[in-house]
Amino acid sequence: MNRWTPAVSVLALCLGLVLIVGSRPAAPAAVLPPAVAAVTTSPAPSAISAPIATPVPAIPPGYRIKVPRLAIDLPLAEGDIERDAVRQQTPENFAFHLPGSALPGDSGNAYFYAHARAGMFLALWNAREGDQVVITTPDARELHYVVSEVHPRVDPTDVSWAGPTTGARLTLQTSTGPNSGDPRFVVVALPT
């Protein structure tokens, strides 16, 4: 086991709890989008590989994530383990970069999470392969990605999605309900 795996495992599990505890009332099953009700049996991506060799810096201010078809347009900020996982006080109106994951535009897995609320990542429930994702950098560059995978029912104990990858990608996570055992909604996007 490498030194990165335990921290990623604990953090990803805690983040799943943070994003759903107190985030919104449980939606009746009939109101949930069809994608949430579907069961996926896809394994974690095979691109998971060796741990990151050097520490990854925090994401600097000025980044934004946009998914035009879903009307997602949020500033990106660095996640805070103490605030988000321990105290469970994840702020609203931002998407957060998982500390230690890759930065957008670099090789590796740039992992972002946000509440499943209107104006935030709730619209990810309607994501589909081919959707465009744009990361705007502080120097006004645009990094373009396309959704390649949608996993609407990831077991909350499956933290492999947060692990490092050999190629560049974005992983976006939100919740599907208010309970700690509720599945996570995970979307993967690759550079174009």
N, C-alpha and C. Protein backbone atom coordinates (compact mmCIF):
# COMPACT_ATOMS: atom_id res chain seq x y z
N MET A 1 0.86 -1.17 0.00
CA MET A 1 0.00 0.00 0.00
C MET A 1 0.90 1.23 0.00
N ASN A 2 0.57 2.22 -0.82
CA ASN A 2 1.40 3.42 -0.87
C ASN A 2 0.93 4.41 0.18
N ARG A 3 1.73 5.47 0.40
CA ARG A 3 1.43 6.45 1.44
C ARG A 3 0.22 7.31 1.11
N TRP A 4 -0.18 7.37 -0.15
CA TRP A 4 -1.26 8.25 -0.58
C TRP A 4 -2.63 7.61 -0.39
N THR A 5 -2.70 6.30 -0.53
CA THR A 5 -3.98 5.59 -0.51
C THR A 5 -4.78 5.79 0.77
N PRO A 6 -4.22 5.64 1.98
CA PRO A 6 -5.05 5.81 3.18
C PRO A 6 -5.65 7.21 3.28
N ALA A 7 -4.85 8.22 2.99
CA ALA A 7 -5.37 9.59 3.08
C ALA A 7 -6.48 9.82 2.07
N VAL A 8 -6.30 9.35 0.85
CA VAL A 8 -7.33 9.52 -0.19
C VAL A 8 -8.58 8.77 0.22
N SER A 9 -8.44 7.57 0.75
CA SER A 9 -9.59 6.77 1.15
C SER A 9 -10.42 7.47 2.21
N VAL A 10 -9.76 7.95 3.25
CA VAL A 10 -10.47 8.62 4.33
C VAL A 10 -11.10 9.91 3.82
N LEU A 11 -10.34 10.69 3.04
CA LEU A 11 -10.86 11.95 2.56
C LEU A 11 -12.06 11.76 1.64
N ALA A 12 -11.96 10.84 0.71
CA ALA A 12 -13.06 10.63 -0.22
C ALA A 12 -14.32 10.16 0.51
N LEU A 13 -14.16 9.29 1.48
CA LEU A 13 -15.31 8.84 2.25
C LEU A 13 -15.91 10.01 3.03
N CYS A 14 -15.07 10.81 3.65
CA CYS A 14 -15.56 11.97 4.40
C CYS A 14 -16.22 12.99 3.48
N LEU A 15 -15.64 13.21 2.31
CA LEU A 15 -16.22 14.17 1.38
C LEU A 15 -17.61 13.73 0.96
N GLY A 16 -17.78 12.44 0.75
CA GLY A 16 -19.11 11.95 0.41
C GLY A 16 -20.11 12.28 1.51
N LEU A 17 -19.68 12.12 2.75
CA LEU A 17 -20.55 12.45 3.87
C LEU A 17 -20.82 13.94 3.92
N VAL A 18 -19.79 14.75 3.72
CA VAL A 18 -19.93 16.19 3.77
C VAL A 18 -20.92 16.69 2.75
N LEU A 19 -20.84 16.17 1.56
CA LEU A 19 -21.67 16.68 0.48
C LEU A 19 -23.14 16.33 0.64
N ILE A 20 -23.43 15.34 1.49
CA ILE A 20 -24.83 14.98 1.63
C ILE A 20 -25.42 15.32 2.98
N VAL A 21 -24.62 15.38 4.02
CA VAL A 21 -25.16 15.67 5.35
C VAL A 21 -25.67 17.10 5.37
N GLY A 22 -26.92 17.24 5.55
CA GLY A 22 -27.52 18.56 5.66
C GLY A 22 -27.56 19.34 4.36
N SER A 23 -27.25 18.69 3.24
CA SER A 23 -27.20 19.46 2.00
C SER A 23 -28.58 19.77 1.45
N ARG A 24 -29.53 18.87 1.63
CA ARG A 24 -30.88 19.10 1.14
C ARG A 24 -31.74 17.96 1.63
N PRO A 25 -33.03 18.14 1.64
CA PRO A 25 -33.90 17.04 2.04
C PRO A 25 -33.85 15.93 1.00
N ALA A 26 -34.09 14.73 1.45
CA ALA A 26 -34.10 13.60 0.53
C ALA A 26 -35.22 13.78 -0.49
N ALA A 27 -34.87 13.53 -1.75
CA ALA A 27 -35.89 13.62 -2.80
C ALA A 27 -36.64 12.30 -2.86
N PRO A 28 -37.95 12.34 -3.06
CA PRO A 28 -38.68 11.10 -3.23
C PRO A 28 -38.15 10.37 -4.46
N ALA A 29 -38.19 9.06 -4.43
CA ALA A 29 -37.64 8.27 -5.52
C ALA A 29 -38.23 8.68 -6.87
N ALA A 30 -39.49 9.04 -6.92
CA ALA A 30 -40.12 9.40 -8.19
C ALA A 30 -39.56 10.70 -8.76
N VAL A 31 -38.93 11.53 -7.91
CA VAL A 31 -38.41 12.81 -8.36
C VAL A 31 -36.97 12.70 -8.84
N LEU A 32 -36.27 11.66 -8.40
CA LEU A 32 -34.88 11.50 -8.80
C LEU A 32 -34.78 11.27 -10.30
N PRO A 33 -33.75 11.85 -10.93
CA PRO A 33 -33.57 11.63 -12.36
C PRO A 33 -33.34 10.16 -12.65
N PRO A 34 -33.70 9.68 -13.85
CA PRO A 34 -33.51 8.28 -14.19
C PRO A 34 -32.08 7.81 -14.00
N ALA A 35 -31.11 8.68 -14.27
CA ALA A 35 -29.71 8.27 -14.14
C ALA A 35 -29.37 7.89 -12.71
N VAL A 36 -30.01 8.53 -11.72
CA VAL A 36 -29.71 8.22 -10.33
C VAL A 36 -30.29 6.87 -9.95
N ALA A 37 -31.42 6.52 -10.53
CA ALA A 37 -32.05 5.25 -10.20
C ALA A 37 -31.36 4.07 -10.86
N ALA A 38 -30.61 4.32 -11.94
CA ALA A 38 -29.93 3.24 -12.65
C ALA A 38 -28.77 2.71 -11.82
N VAL A 39 -28.51 1.44 -11.94
CA VAL A 39 -27.39 0.83 -11.23
C VAL A 39 -26.26 0.62 -12.22
N THR A 40 -25.09 1.08 -11.86
CA THR A 40 -23.93 0.86 -12.73
C THR A 40 -23.06 -0.22 -12.12
N THR A 41 -22.57 -1.09 -12.95
CA THR A 41 -21.68 -2.14 -12.48
C THR A 41 -20.28 -1.94 -13.03
N SER A 42 -20.03 -0.78 -13.61
CA SER A 42 -18.71 -0.51 -14.16
C SER A 42 -17.68 -0.46 -13.05
N PRO A 43 -16.54 -1.09 -13.26
CA PRO A 43 -15.48 -1.02 -12.26
C PRO A 43 -14.83 0.36 -12.30
N ALA A 44 -14.02 0.63 -11.30
CA ALA A 44 -13.27 1.88 -11.29
C ALA A 44 -12.38 1.93 -12.52
N PRO A 45 -12.03 3.11 -12.97
CA PRO A 45 -11.23 3.22 -14.18
C PRO A 45 -9.91 2.48 -14.06
N SER A 46 -9.46 1.91 -15.16
CA SER A 46 -8.22 1.15 -15.15
C SER A 46 -7.00 2.06 -15.18
N ALA A 47 -7.21 3.37 -15.34
CA ALA A 47 -6.08 4.30 -15.41
C ALA A 47 -5.48 4.59 -14.04
N ILE A 48 -6.08 4.08 -12.95
CA ILE A 48 -5.53 4.30 -11.62
C ILE A 48 -4.15 3.67 -11.59
N SER A 49 -3.18 4.40 -11.08
CA SER A 49 -1.82 3.89 -11.12
C SER A 49 -1.06 4.28 -9.87
N ALA A 50 0.23 4.47 -10.02
CA ALA A 50 1.13 4.75 -8.92
C ALA A 50 0.79 6.09 -8.25
N PRO A 51 1.23 6.25 -7.00
CA PRO A 51 0.95 7.50 -6.29
C PRO A 51 1.70 8.68 -6.90
N ILE A 52 1.22 9.87 -6.58
CA ILE A 52 1.88 11.08 -7.02
C ILE A 52 3.24 11.15 -6.32
N ALA A 53 4.30 11.40 -7.10
CA ALA A 53 5.65 11.39 -6.55
C ALA A 53 5.97 12.68 -5.79
N THR A 54 5.45 13.79 -6.22
CA THR A 54 5.74 15.06 -5.55
C THR A 54 4.43 15.69 -5.11
N PRO A 55 4.49 16.50 -4.06
CA PRO A 55 3.26 17.15 -3.59
C PRO A 55 2.67 18.06 -4.67
N VAL A 56 1.36 18.08 -4.74
CA VAL A 56 0.66 18.93 -5.70
C VAL A 56 0.26 20.21 -4.97
N PRO A 57 0.52 21.37 -5.57
CA PRO A 57 0.14 22.62 -4.91
C PRO A 57 -1.37 22.81 -4.89
N ALA A 58 -1.81 23.69 -4.03
CA ALA A 58 -3.23 24.05 -3.98
C ALA A 58 -3.60 24.78 -5.26
N ILE A 59 -4.87 24.68 -5.64
CA ILE A 59 -5.33 25.39 -6.83
C ILE A 59 -5.35 26.89 -6.52
N PRO A 60 -4.71 27.70 -7.34
CA PRO A 60 -4.71 29.14 -7.06
C PRO A 60 -6.07 29.78 -7.35
N PRO A 61 -6.34 30.92 -6.77
CA PRO A 61 -7.60 31.63 -7.04
C PRO A 61 -7.70 32.01 -8.52
N GLY A 62 -8.92 32.09 -9.01
CA GLY A 62 -9.14 32.54 -10.38
C GLY A 62 -9.55 31.46 -11.35
N TYR A 63 -9.60 30.20 -10.92
CA TYR A 63 -10.07 29.12 -11.78
C TYR A 63 -11.59 29.04 -11.71
N ARG A 64 -12.23 28.61 -12.81
CA ARG A 64 -13.68 28.37 -12.86
C ARG A 64 -13.92 27.05 -13.60
N ILE A 65 -15.02 26.41 -13.27
CA ILE A 65 -15.46 25.23 -14.01
C ILE A 65 -16.82 25.55 -14.63
N LYS A 66 -16.95 25.20 -15.91
CA LYS A 66 -18.21 25.44 -16.62
C LYS A 66 -18.59 24.16 -17.37
N VAL A 67 -19.86 23.82 -17.28
CA VAL A 67 -20.43 22.74 -18.09
C VAL A 67 -21.63 23.41 -18.77
N PRO A 68 -21.40 23.97 -19.96
CA PRO A 68 -22.42 24.83 -20.59
C PRO A 68 -23.80 24.19 -20.73
N ARG A 69 -23.89 22.95 -21.20
CA ARG A 69 -25.20 22.33 -21.39
C ARG A 69 -25.97 22.20 -20.08
N LEU A 70 -25.26 22.06 -18.97
CA LEU A 70 -25.90 21.88 -17.68
C LEU A 70 -26.02 23.18 -16.88
N ALA A 71 -25.58 24.27 -17.47
CA ALA A 71 -25.60 25.59 -16.82
C ALA A 71 -24.82 25.61 -15.51
N ILE A 72 -23.74 24.84 -15.46
CA ILE A 72 -22.84 24.87 -14.31
C ILE A 72 -21.76 25.90 -14.62
N ASP A 73 -21.55 26.82 -13.72
CA ASP A 73 -20.51 27.84 -13.84
C ASP A 73 -20.14 28.25 -12.42
N LEU A 74 -19.07 27.66 -11.91
CA LEU A 74 -18.67 27.88 -10.52
C LEU A 74 -17.20 28.23 -10.40
N PRO A 75 -16.87 29.07 -9.44
CA PRO A 75 -15.45 29.28 -9.15
C PRO A 75 -14.90 28.02 -8.48
N LEU A 76 -13.62 27.76 -8.71
CA LEU A 76 -12.95 26.64 -8.06
C LEU A 76 -12.11 27.17 -6.91
N ALA A 77 -12.10 26.43 -5.84
CA ALA A 77 -11.28 26.79 -4.68
C ALA A 77 -10.66 25.51 -4.13
N GLU A 78 -9.63 25.68 -3.35
CA GLU A 78 -8.98 24.52 -2.74
C GLU A 78 -9.86 23.97 -1.63
N GLY A 79 -10.04 22.66 -1.62
CA GLY A 79 -10.77 22.01 -0.54
C GLY A 79 -9.97 22.10 0.75
N ASP A 80 -10.64 21.94 1.85
CA ASP A 80 -10.01 22.01 3.17
C ASP A 80 -10.50 20.81 3.96
N ILE A 81 -9.58 19.89 4.23
CA ILE A 81 -9.94 18.64 4.90
C ILE A 81 -10.63 18.90 6.24
N GLU A 82 -10.04 19.76 7.04
CA GLU A 82 -10.60 20.06 8.36
C GLU A 82 -12.02 20.61 8.22
N ARG A 83 -12.17 21.62 7.39
CA ARG A 83 -13.48 22.28 7.22
C ARG A 83 -14.50 21.35 6.57
N ASP A 84 -14.10 20.70 5.45
CA ASP A 84 -15.06 19.95 4.65
C ASP A 84 -15.37 18.56 5.22
N ALA A 85 -14.36 17.87 5.70
CA ALA A 85 -14.57 16.49 6.14
C ALA A 85 -14.77 16.37 7.65
N VAL A 86 -13.98 17.10 8.42
CA VAL A 86 -14.06 16.96 9.87
C VAL A 86 -15.22 17.77 10.44
N ARG A 87 -15.25 19.07 10.14
CA ARG A 87 -16.31 19.93 10.67
C ARG A 87 -17.58 19.89 9.83
N GLN A 88 -17.51 19.33 8.64
CA GLN A 88 -18.63 19.21 7.72
C GLN A 88 -19.29 20.57 7.46
N GLN A 89 -18.45 21.54 7.09
CA GLN A 89 -18.93 22.88 6.81
C GLN A 89 -18.49 23.33 5.42
N THR A 90 -18.68 22.47 4.43
CA THR A 90 -18.31 22.81 3.06
C THR A 90 -19.13 24.00 2.60
N PRO A 91 -18.48 25.08 2.18
CA PRO A 91 -19.22 26.25 1.71
C PRO A 91 -20.01 25.95 0.44
N GLU A 92 -20.98 26.78 0.18
CA GLU A 92 -21.76 26.67 -1.05
C GLU A 92 -21.20 27.62 -2.10
N ASN A 93 -21.72 27.46 -3.31
CA ASN A 93 -21.40 28.32 -4.44
C ASN A 93 -19.96 28.24 -4.92
N PHE A 94 -19.30 27.14 -4.63
CA PHE A 94 -17.97 26.83 -5.14
C PHE A 94 -17.92 25.34 -5.46
N ALA A 95 -17.02 24.97 -6.35
CA ALA A 95 -16.60 23.58 -6.49
C ALA A 95 -15.20 23.55 -5.90
N PHE A 96 -14.86 22.46 -5.21
CA PHE A 96 -13.60 22.38 -4.49
C PHE A 96 -12.67 21.35 -5.08
N HIS A 97 -11.40 21.72 -5.13
CA HIS A 97 -10.32 20.86 -5.60
C HIS A 97 -9.90 19.96 -4.44
N LEU A 98 -9.86 18.66 -4.67
CA LEU A 98 -9.42 17.73 -3.65
C LEU A 98 -7.93 17.94 -3.41
N PRO A 99 -7.53 18.31 -2.20
CA PRO A 99 -6.11 18.52 -1.93
C PRO A 99 -5.30 17.27 -2.29
N GLY A 100 -4.20 17.51 -2.99
CA GLY A 100 -3.33 16.41 -3.40
C GLY A 100 -3.64 15.86 -4.78
N SER A 101 -4.83 16.17 -5.32
CA SER A 101 -5.11 15.71 -6.68
C SER A 101 -4.46 16.67 -7.67
N ALA A 102 -4.38 16.25 -8.93
CA ALA A 102 -3.70 17.05 -9.96
C ALA A 102 -4.41 18.38 -10.17
N LEU A 103 -3.70 19.32 -10.71
CA LEU A 103 -4.29 20.59 -11.12
C LEU A 103 -4.78 20.46 -12.55
N PRO A 104 -5.86 21.15 -12.92
CA PRO A 104 -6.34 21.07 -14.30
C PRO A 104 -5.24 21.49 -15.28
N GLY A 105 -5.13 20.74 -16.37
CA GLY A 105 -4.12 21.02 -17.36
C GLY A 105 -2.85 20.21 -17.16
N ASP A 106 -2.67 19.66 -15.96
CA ASP A 106 -1.51 18.81 -15.69
C ASP A 106 -1.90 17.35 -15.91
N SER A 107 -0.91 16.50 -16.00
CA SER A 107 -1.16 15.07 -16.10
C SER A 107 -1.67 14.58 -14.74
N GLY A 108 -2.63 13.70 -14.76
CA GLY A 108 -3.16 13.16 -13.52
C GLY A 108 -4.64 13.47 -13.35
N ASN A 109 -5.16 13.08 -12.22
CA ASN A 109 -6.58 13.18 -11.90
C ASN A 109 -6.87 14.45 -11.11
N ALA A 110 -7.47 15.44 -11.75
CA ALA A 110 -7.90 16.67 -11.08
C ALA A 110 -9.32 16.41 -10.57
N TYR A 111 -9.46 16.31 -9.27
CA TYR A 111 -10.70 15.87 -8.64
C TYR A 111 -11.42 17.05 -7.99
N PHE A 112 -12.70 17.24 -8.35
CA PHE A 112 -13.49 18.35 -7.83
C PHE A 112 -14.80 17.84 -7.24
N TYR A 113 -15.26 18.48 -6.20
CA TYR A 113 -16.52 18.10 -5.56
C TYR A 113 -17.31 19.35 -5.21
N ALA A 114 -18.63 19.20 -5.19
CA ALA A 114 -19.53 20.29 -4.80
C ALA A 114 -20.85 19.68 -4.35
N HIS A 115 -21.60 20.47 -3.62
CA HIS A 115 -22.92 20.05 -3.16
C HIS A 115 -23.85 19.75 -4.35
N ALA A 116 -24.78 18.84 -4.14
CA ALA A 116 -25.83 18.55 -5.13
C ALA A 116 -26.98 19.51 -4.85
N ARG A 117 -26.78 20.74 -5.26
CA ARG A 117 -27.79 21.78 -5.08
C ARG A 117 -27.92 22.56 -6.38
N ALA A 118 -29.06 23.17 -6.57
CA ALA A 118 -29.29 24.00 -7.76
C ALA A 118 -28.21 25.06 -7.83
N GLY A 119 -27.67 25.28 -9.01
CA GLY A 119 -26.60 26.25 -9.21
C GLY A 119 -25.24 25.70 -8.87
N MET A 120 -25.18 24.48 -8.38
CA MET A 120 -23.90 23.86 -8.04
C MET A 120 -23.76 22.59 -8.89
N PHE A 121 -23.53 21.42 -8.26
CA PHE A 121 -23.33 20.19 -9.03
C PHE A 121 -24.59 19.33 -9.14
N LEU A 122 -25.75 19.80 -8.69
CA LEU A 122 -26.98 19.03 -8.86
C LEU A 122 -27.22 18.70 -10.33
N ALA A 123 -26.91 19.61 -11.21
CA ALA A 123 -27.12 19.40 -12.65
C ALA A 123 -26.26 18.26 -13.20
N LEU A 124 -25.22 17.84 -12.48
CA LEU A 124 -24.43 16.70 -12.94
C LEU A 124 -25.29 15.45 -13.09
N TRP A 125 -26.39 15.39 -12.35
CA TRP A 125 -27.28 14.24 -12.47
C TRP A 125 -27.78 14.08 -13.91
N ASN A 126 -27.72 15.13 -14.71
CA ASN A 126 -28.16 15.07 -16.09
C ASN A 126 -26.99 15.01 -17.08
N ALA A 127 -25.80 14.81 -16.58
CA ALA A 127 -24.62 14.74 -17.46
C ALA A 127 -24.71 13.52 -18.37
N ARG A 128 -24.12 13.67 -19.54
CA ARG A 128 -24.06 12.53 -20.46
C ARG A 128 -22.75 12.60 -21.23
N GLU A 129 -22.35 11.46 -21.75
CA GLU A 129 -21.12 11.39 -22.53
C GLU A 129 -21.21 12.41 -23.65
N GLY A 130 -20.09 13.11 -23.88
CA GLY A 130 -20.04 14.11 -24.92
C GLY A 130 -20.23 15.53 -24.42
N ASP A 131 -20.73 15.71 -23.19
CA ASP A 131 -20.88 17.06 -22.64
C ASP A 131 -19.51 17.73 -22.54
N GLN A 132 -19.48 19.02 -22.86
CA GLN A 132 -18.26 19.80 -22.78
C GLN A 132 -18.07 20.33 -21.37
N VAL A 133 -16.82 20.29 -20.89
CA VAL A 133 -16.44 20.87 -19.61
C VAL A 133 -15.29 21.82 -19.90
N VAL A 134 -15.39 23.04 -19.40
CA VAL A 134 -14.35 24.04 -19.63
C VAL A 134 -13.83 24.52 -18.29
N ILE A 135 -12.51 24.48 -18.14
CA ILE A 135 -11.86 25.06 -16.98
C ILE A 135 -11.20 26.35 -17.46
N THR A 136 -11.54 27.45 -16.82
CA THR A 136 -10.92 28.74 -17.14
C THR A 136 -9.84 28.99 -16.09
N THR A 137 -8.64 29.34 -16.54
CA THR A 137 -7.51 29.57 -15.64
C THR A 137 -7.42 31.04 -15.26
N PRO A 138 -6.63 31.36 -14.24
CA PRO A 138 -6.50 32.76 -13.82
C PRO A 138 -5.95 33.67 -14.93
N ASP A 139 -5.19 33.10 -15.87
CA ASP A 139 -4.65 33.91 -16.97
C ASP A 139 -5.55 33.87 -18.21
N ALA A 140 -6.81 33.50 -18.02
CA ALA A 140 -7.86 33.51 -19.06
C ALA A 140 -7.71 32.44 -20.13
N ARG A 141 -6.87 31.44 -19.90
CA ARG A 141 -6.83 30.30 -20.83
C ARG A 141 -8.04 29.42 -20.55
N GLU A 142 -8.46 28.69 -21.58
CA GLU A 142 -9.54 27.73 -21.42
C GLU A 142 -9.00 26.33 -21.67
N LEU A 143 -9.25 25.43 -20.74
CA LEU A 143 -8.87 24.03 -20.87
C LEU A 143 -10.15 23.27 -21.17
N HIS A 144 -10.18 22.56 -22.28
CA HIS A 144 -11.40 21.89 -22.73
C HIS A 144 -11.33 20.39 -22.47
N TYR A 145 -12.45 19.88 -21.97
CA TYR A 145 -12.60 18.46 -21.65
C TYR A 145 -13.94 18.01 -22.20
N VAL A 146 -14.09 16.70 -22.36
CA VAL A 146 -15.36 16.13 -22.77
C VAL A 146 -15.69 14.98 -21.82
N VAL A 147 -16.95 14.91 -21.41
CA VAL A 147 -17.38 13.84 -20.51
C VAL A 147 -17.26 12.51 -21.23
N SER A 148 -16.54 11.59 -20.61
CA SER A 148 -16.34 10.27 -21.19
C SER A 148 -17.04 9.17 -20.39
N GLU A 149 -17.35 9.45 -19.13
CA GLU A 149 -18.00 8.44 -18.28
C GLU A 149 -18.95 9.14 -17.31
N VAL A 150 -20.09 8.50 -17.06
CA VAL A 150 -21.05 8.97 -16.06
C VAL A 150 -21.39 7.76 -15.19
N HIS A 151 -21.15 7.89 -13.90
CA HIS A 151 -21.39 6.81 -12.95
C HIS A 151 -22.34 7.31 -11.86
N PRO A 152 -23.63 7.07 -12.02
CA PRO A 152 -24.63 7.66 -11.12
C PRO A 152 -24.77 6.98 -9.76
N ARG A 153 -24.17 5.82 -9.57
CA ARG A 153 -24.38 5.12 -8.30
C ARG A 153 -23.09 4.49 -7.81
N VAL A 154 -22.12 5.31 -7.48
CA VAL A 154 -20.84 4.82 -6.97
C VAL A 154 -20.97 4.59 -5.47
N ASP A 155 -20.59 3.41 -5.05
CA ASP A 155 -20.64 3.07 -3.62
C ASP A 155 -19.82 4.09 -2.83
N PRO A 156 -20.35 4.60 -1.72
CA PRO A 156 -19.62 5.63 -0.96
C PRO A 156 -18.29 5.14 -0.38
N THR A 157 -18.09 3.84 -0.31
CA THR A 157 -16.81 3.33 0.18
C THR A 157 -15.79 3.15 -0.93
N ASP A 158 -16.19 3.33 -2.18
CA ASP A 158 -15.28 3.19 -3.32
C ASP A 158 -14.54 4.50 -3.53
N VAL A 159 -13.33 4.57 -3.02
CA VAL A 159 -12.54 5.79 -3.10
C VAL A 159 -11.53 5.76 -4.25
N SER A 160 -11.58 4.74 -5.07
CA SER A 160 -10.62 4.62 -6.17
C SER A 160 -10.73 5.77 -7.16
N TRP A 161 -11.89 6.39 -7.24
CA TRP A 161 -12.10 7.50 -8.17
C TRP A 161 -11.22 8.70 -7.85
N ALA A 162 -10.80 8.84 -6.60
CA ALA A 162 -9.97 9.96 -6.19
C ALA A 162 -8.48 9.70 -6.37
N GLY A 163 -8.12 8.49 -6.73
CA GLY A 163 -6.71 8.14 -6.87
C GLY A 163 -6.05 8.78 -8.08
N PRO A 164 -4.72 8.79 -8.07
CA PRO A 164 -3.99 9.37 -9.19
C PRO A 164 -4.17 8.52 -10.46
N THR A 165 -4.03 9.16 -11.61
CA THR A 165 -4.12 8.48 -12.90
C THR A 165 -2.88 8.79 -13.71
N THR A 166 -2.63 7.96 -14.72
CA THR A 166 -1.47 8.19 -15.57
C THR A 166 -1.71 9.29 -16.58
N GLY A 167 -2.94 9.47 -17.01
CA GLY A 167 -3.27 10.51 -17.99
C GLY A 167 -4.07 11.62 -17.35
N ALA A 168 -4.15 12.76 -18.04
CA ALA A 168 -4.91 13.90 -17.54
C ALA A 168 -6.40 13.60 -17.60
N ARG A 169 -7.10 14.01 -16.56
CA ARG A 169 -8.55 13.90 -16.55
C ARG A 169 -9.12 14.73 -15.42
N LEU A 170 -10.42 15.02 -15.52
CA LEU A 170 -11.18 15.64 -14.45
C LEU A 170 -12.11 14.58 -13.88
N THR A 171 -12.25 14.55 -12.57
CA THR A 171 -13.27 13.73 -11.93
C THR A 171 -14.12 14.68 -11.11
N LEU A 172 -15.43 14.65 -11.35
CA LEU A 172 -16.38 15.51 -10.66
C LEU A 172 -17.28 14.65 -9.80
N GLN A 173 -17.48 15.04 -8.54
CA GLN A 173 -18.30 14.24 -7.64
C GLN A 173 -19.33 15.10 -6.94
N THR A 174 -20.52 14.52 -6.79
CA THR A 174 -21.55 15.11 -5.94
C THR A 174 -22.31 13.97 -5.28
N SER A 175 -23.32 14.28 -4.52
CA SER A 175 -24.08 13.27 -3.80
C SER A 175 -25.38 12.96 -4.52
N THR A 176 -26.03 11.88 -4.08
CA THR A 176 -27.34 11.52 -4.62
C THR A 176 -28.43 11.56 -3.55
N GLY A 177 -28.06 11.82 -2.33
CA GLY A 177 -29.04 11.86 -1.25
C GLY A 177 -28.40 12.32 0.04
N PRO A 178 -29.19 12.48 1.08
CA PRO A 178 -28.71 13.06 2.33
C PRO A 178 -28.07 12.07 3.31
N ASN A 179 -28.10 10.79 3.01
CA ASN A 179 -27.59 9.80 3.94
C ASN A 179 -26.17 9.36 3.59
N SER A 180 -25.39 9.03 4.61
CA SER A 180 -24.00 8.65 4.39
C SER A 180 -23.86 7.41 3.51
N GLY A 181 -24.84 6.55 3.49
CA GLY A 181 -24.79 5.35 2.67
C GLY A 181 -25.29 5.55 1.25
N ASP A 182 -25.78 6.75 0.93
CA ASP A 182 -26.27 7.02 -0.42
C ASP A 182 -25.12 7.01 -1.41
N PRO A 183 -25.36 6.52 -2.62
CA PRO A 183 -24.29 6.50 -3.62
C PRO A 183 -23.80 7.90 -3.97
N ARG A 184 -22.61 7.94 -4.53
CA ARG A 184 -22.04 9.18 -5.04
C ARG A 184 -22.29 9.23 -6.53
N PHE A 185 -22.36 10.41 -7.08
CA PHE A 185 -22.51 10.61 -8.53
C PHE A 185 -21.17 11.10 -9.02
N VAL A 186 -20.55 10.33 -9.93
CA VAL A 186 -19.19 10.63 -10.41
C VAL A 186 -19.21 10.78 -11.93
N VAL A 187 -18.59 11.85 -12.40
CA VAL A 187 -18.47 12.13 -13.83
C VAL A 187 -16.98 12.28 -14.15
N VAL A 188 -16.54 11.61 -15.22
CA VAL A 188 -15.14 11.70 -15.67
C VAL A 188 -15.12 12.43 -16.99
N ALA A 189 -14.18 13.37 -17.14
CA ALA A 189 -14.01 14.11 -18.40
C ALA A 189 -12.55 14.08 -18.78
N LEU A 190 -12.30 13.91 -20.08
CA LEU A 190 -10.94 13.83 -20.62
C LEU A 190 -10.63 15.05 -21.47
N PRO A 191 -9.35 15.43 -21.55
CA PRO A 191 -8.99 16.59 -22.38
C PRO A 191 -9.34 16.34 -23.85
N THR A 192 -9.70 17.43 -24.56
CA THR A 192 -10.00 17.30 -25.99
C THR A 192 -8.82 17.78 -26.79
